[in-house]
Amino acid sequence: MTFQLERIDHVQLSAPKDSEETAIRFYSDILGFKEEEKPETLKPNGGVWFRNGEIALHIGIEEPFTPLKKAHPAFEVSGIDALQTYLEGAGISTKWDNKLPNAKRFYINDPFGNRIEFLEWKNKIKN
């Protein structure tokens, strides 16, 4: 092979038209992502870009919009129990799943109904 995949550059989720402010409130205010400036050539498409460390997340406007119910990004976290408590306190419903060996994980839905997974590998959990 003369090519090599290096890493995921970003993940894009879809949202309905005119939902940028809702995306900012959720992804910035609740999940702690920082909004990034989109290139001028892409601004007419709508949507908003976010970053948290090495994680880049783009919210794109899609019409007609259909939320992702099965396909999803999965974010590895540390302190998953604290995150779950925080999200529940913010009024976000969480659903634990114990089917992945050696991991604690749960799912949420963003304000648009897109599924998001958070997981912590058990060998990284501090007791």
Protein backbone atom coordinates (compact mmCIF):
# COMPACT_ATOMS: atom_id res chain seq x y z
CA MET A 1 0.00 0.00 0.00
CA THR A 2 1.14 3.51 -0.73
CA PHE A 3 -1.13 5.19 1.80
CA GLN A 4 -1.82 4.99 5.51
CA LEU A 5 -4.80 6.15 7.54
CA GLU A 6 -3.41 8.35 10.32
CA ARG A 7 -6.29 9.26 12.64
CA ILE A 8 -9.85 10.51 12.65
CA ASP A 9 -9.78 14.22 11.88
CA HIS A 10 -13.31 14.95 13.10
CA VAL A 11 -16.74 13.46 13.66
CA GLN A 12 -19.80 15.11 12.16
CA LEU A 13 -23.31 14.85 13.51
CA SER A 14 -26.37 16.35 11.86
CA ALA A 15 -28.90 18.78 13.22
CA PRO A 16 -32.02 20.48 11.83
CA LYS A 17 -31.99 23.92 10.23
CA ASP A 18 -31.53 26.91 12.57
CA SER A 19 -30.33 24.79 15.50
CA GLU A 20 -26.85 26.28 15.92
CA GLU A 21 -27.65 28.04 19.21
CA THR A 22 -29.07 24.84 20.67
CA ALA A 23 -25.90 23.01 19.59
CA ILE A 24 -23.71 25.65 21.25
CA ARG A 25 -25.67 25.46 24.51
CA PHE A 26 -25.37 21.67 24.60
CA TYR A 27 -21.88 20.99 23.27
CA SER A 28 -20.18 24.06 24.78
CA ASP A 29 -22.13 24.85 27.92
CA ILE A 30 -22.83 21.27 29.02
CA LEU A 31 -20.15 19.05 27.46
CA GLY A 32 -17.32 21.61 27.59
CA PHE A 33 -16.39 21.78 23.91
CA LYS A 34 -15.03 25.10 22.64
CA GLU A 35 -16.58 26.55 19.52
CA GLU A 36 -14.17 26.84 16.58
CA GLU A 37 -14.39 29.33 13.73
CA LYS A 38 -15.53 27.70 10.50
CA PRO A 39 -13.78 28.66 7.26
CA GLU A 40 -15.57 31.50 5.44
CA THR A 41 -16.27 29.22 2.49
CA LEU A 42 -18.24 26.82 4.73
CA LYS A 43 -20.20 29.33 6.83
CA PRO A 44 -23.11 29.55 4.33
CA ASN A 45 -23.79 25.84 4.96
CA GLY A 46 -24.75 26.57 8.57
CA GLY A 47 -23.77 24.36 11.46
CA VAL A 48 -21.06 24.83 14.05
CA TRP A 49 -17.66 23.30 14.80
CA PHE A 50 -16.34 22.34 18.23
CA ARG A 51 -13.12 21.07 19.77
CA ASN A 52 -12.18 19.57 23.14
CA GLY A 53 -8.47 18.76 23.19
CA GLU A 54 -7.83 16.34 20.34
CA ILE A 55 -11.55 15.73 19.73
CA ALA A 56 -13.06 17.72 16.84
CA LEU A 57 -16.83 17.57 16.44
CA HIS A 58 -18.77 19.24 13.64
CA ILE A 59 -22.51 19.79 13.69
CA GLY A 60 -23.82 20.01 10.14
CA ILE A 61 -27.25 21.18 9.07
CA GLU A 62 -29.22 18.56 7.20
CA GLU A 63 -32.68 18.90 5.66
CA PRO A 64 -34.62 16.79 5.93
CA PHE A 65 -33.09 15.91 9.27
CA THR A 66 -33.09 12.42 10.78
CA PRO A 67 -31.22 11.82 14.06
CA LEU A 68 -28.69 9.00 14.35
CA LYS A 69 -30.22 6.33 16.57
CA LYS A 70 -27.61 3.56 16.15
CA ALA A 71 -24.54 5.12 14.50
CA HIS A 72 -22.75 7.32 17.03
CA PRO A 73 -19.47 8.80 18.23
CA ALA A 74 -17.98 7.23 21.35
CA PHE A 75 -15.91 9.43 23.65
CA GLU A 76 -13.44 7.84 26.05
CA VAL A 77 -13.57 9.63 29.39
CA SER A 78 -12.05 9.42 32.82
CA GLY A 79 -14.41 9.73 35.78
CA ILE A 80 -17.41 8.24 34.02
CA ASP A 81 -19.51 8.04 37.20
CA ALA A 82 -18.98 11.75 37.87
CA LEU A 83 -19.87 12.55 34.25
CA GLN A 84 -23.06 10.53 34.49
CA THR A 85 -24.06 12.29 37.73
CA TYR A 86 -23.27 15.69 36.17
CA LEU A 87 -25.32 14.98 33.04
CA GLU A 88 -28.29 13.67 35.02
CA GLY A 89 -28.10 16.82 37.16
CA ALA A 90 -28.23 18.88 33.97
CA GLY A 91 -31.46 17.10 33.01
CA ILE A 92 -29.89 14.77 30.43
CA SER A 93 -31.10 11.19 30.58
CA THR A 94 -28.34 8.54 30.57
CA LYS A 95 -28.63 4.85 29.76
CA TRP A 96 -25.99 2.47 31.11
CA ASP A 97 -24.93 -0.49 28.98
CA ASN A 98 -22.83 -3.36 30.36
CA LYS A 99 -22.42 -5.38 27.14
CA LEU A 100 -18.86 -4.25 26.33
CA PRO A 101 -16.32 -6.31 28.30
CA ASN A 102 -13.83 -4.35 30.42
CA ALA A 103 -15.64 -1.05 30.01
CA LYS A 104 -18.20 1.09 31.81
CA ARG A 105 -20.32 2.98 29.33
CA PHE A 106 -23.53 4.85 28.88
CA TYR A 107 -25.43 6.60 26.13
CA ILE A 108 -27.18 9.93 25.86
CA ASN A 109 -29.03 11.72 23.11
CA ASP A 110 -28.06 15.23 22.11
CA PRO A 111 -30.87 17.82 21.79
CA PHE A 112 -31.47 16.62 18.21
CA GLY A 113 -31.81 12.93 19.09
CA ASN A 114 -28.33 11.84 17.96
CA ARG A 115 -26.91 8.99 20.05
CA ILE A 116 -23.60 9.65 21.89
CA GLU A 117 -21.59 7.09 23.85
CA PHE A 118 -19.25 7.76 26.76
CA LEU A 119 -16.99 4.98 27.97
CA GLU A 120 -14.21 4.36 30.44
CA TRP A 121 -12.05 1.27 30.18
CA LYS A 122 -11.98 -0.63 33.47
CA ASN A 123 -8.18 -0.85 33.52
CA LYS A 124 -8.14 2.96 33.61
CA ILE A 125 -10.77 3.39 36.33
CA LYS A 126 -9.34 4.65 39.58
CA ASN A 127 -10.97 3.04 42.60
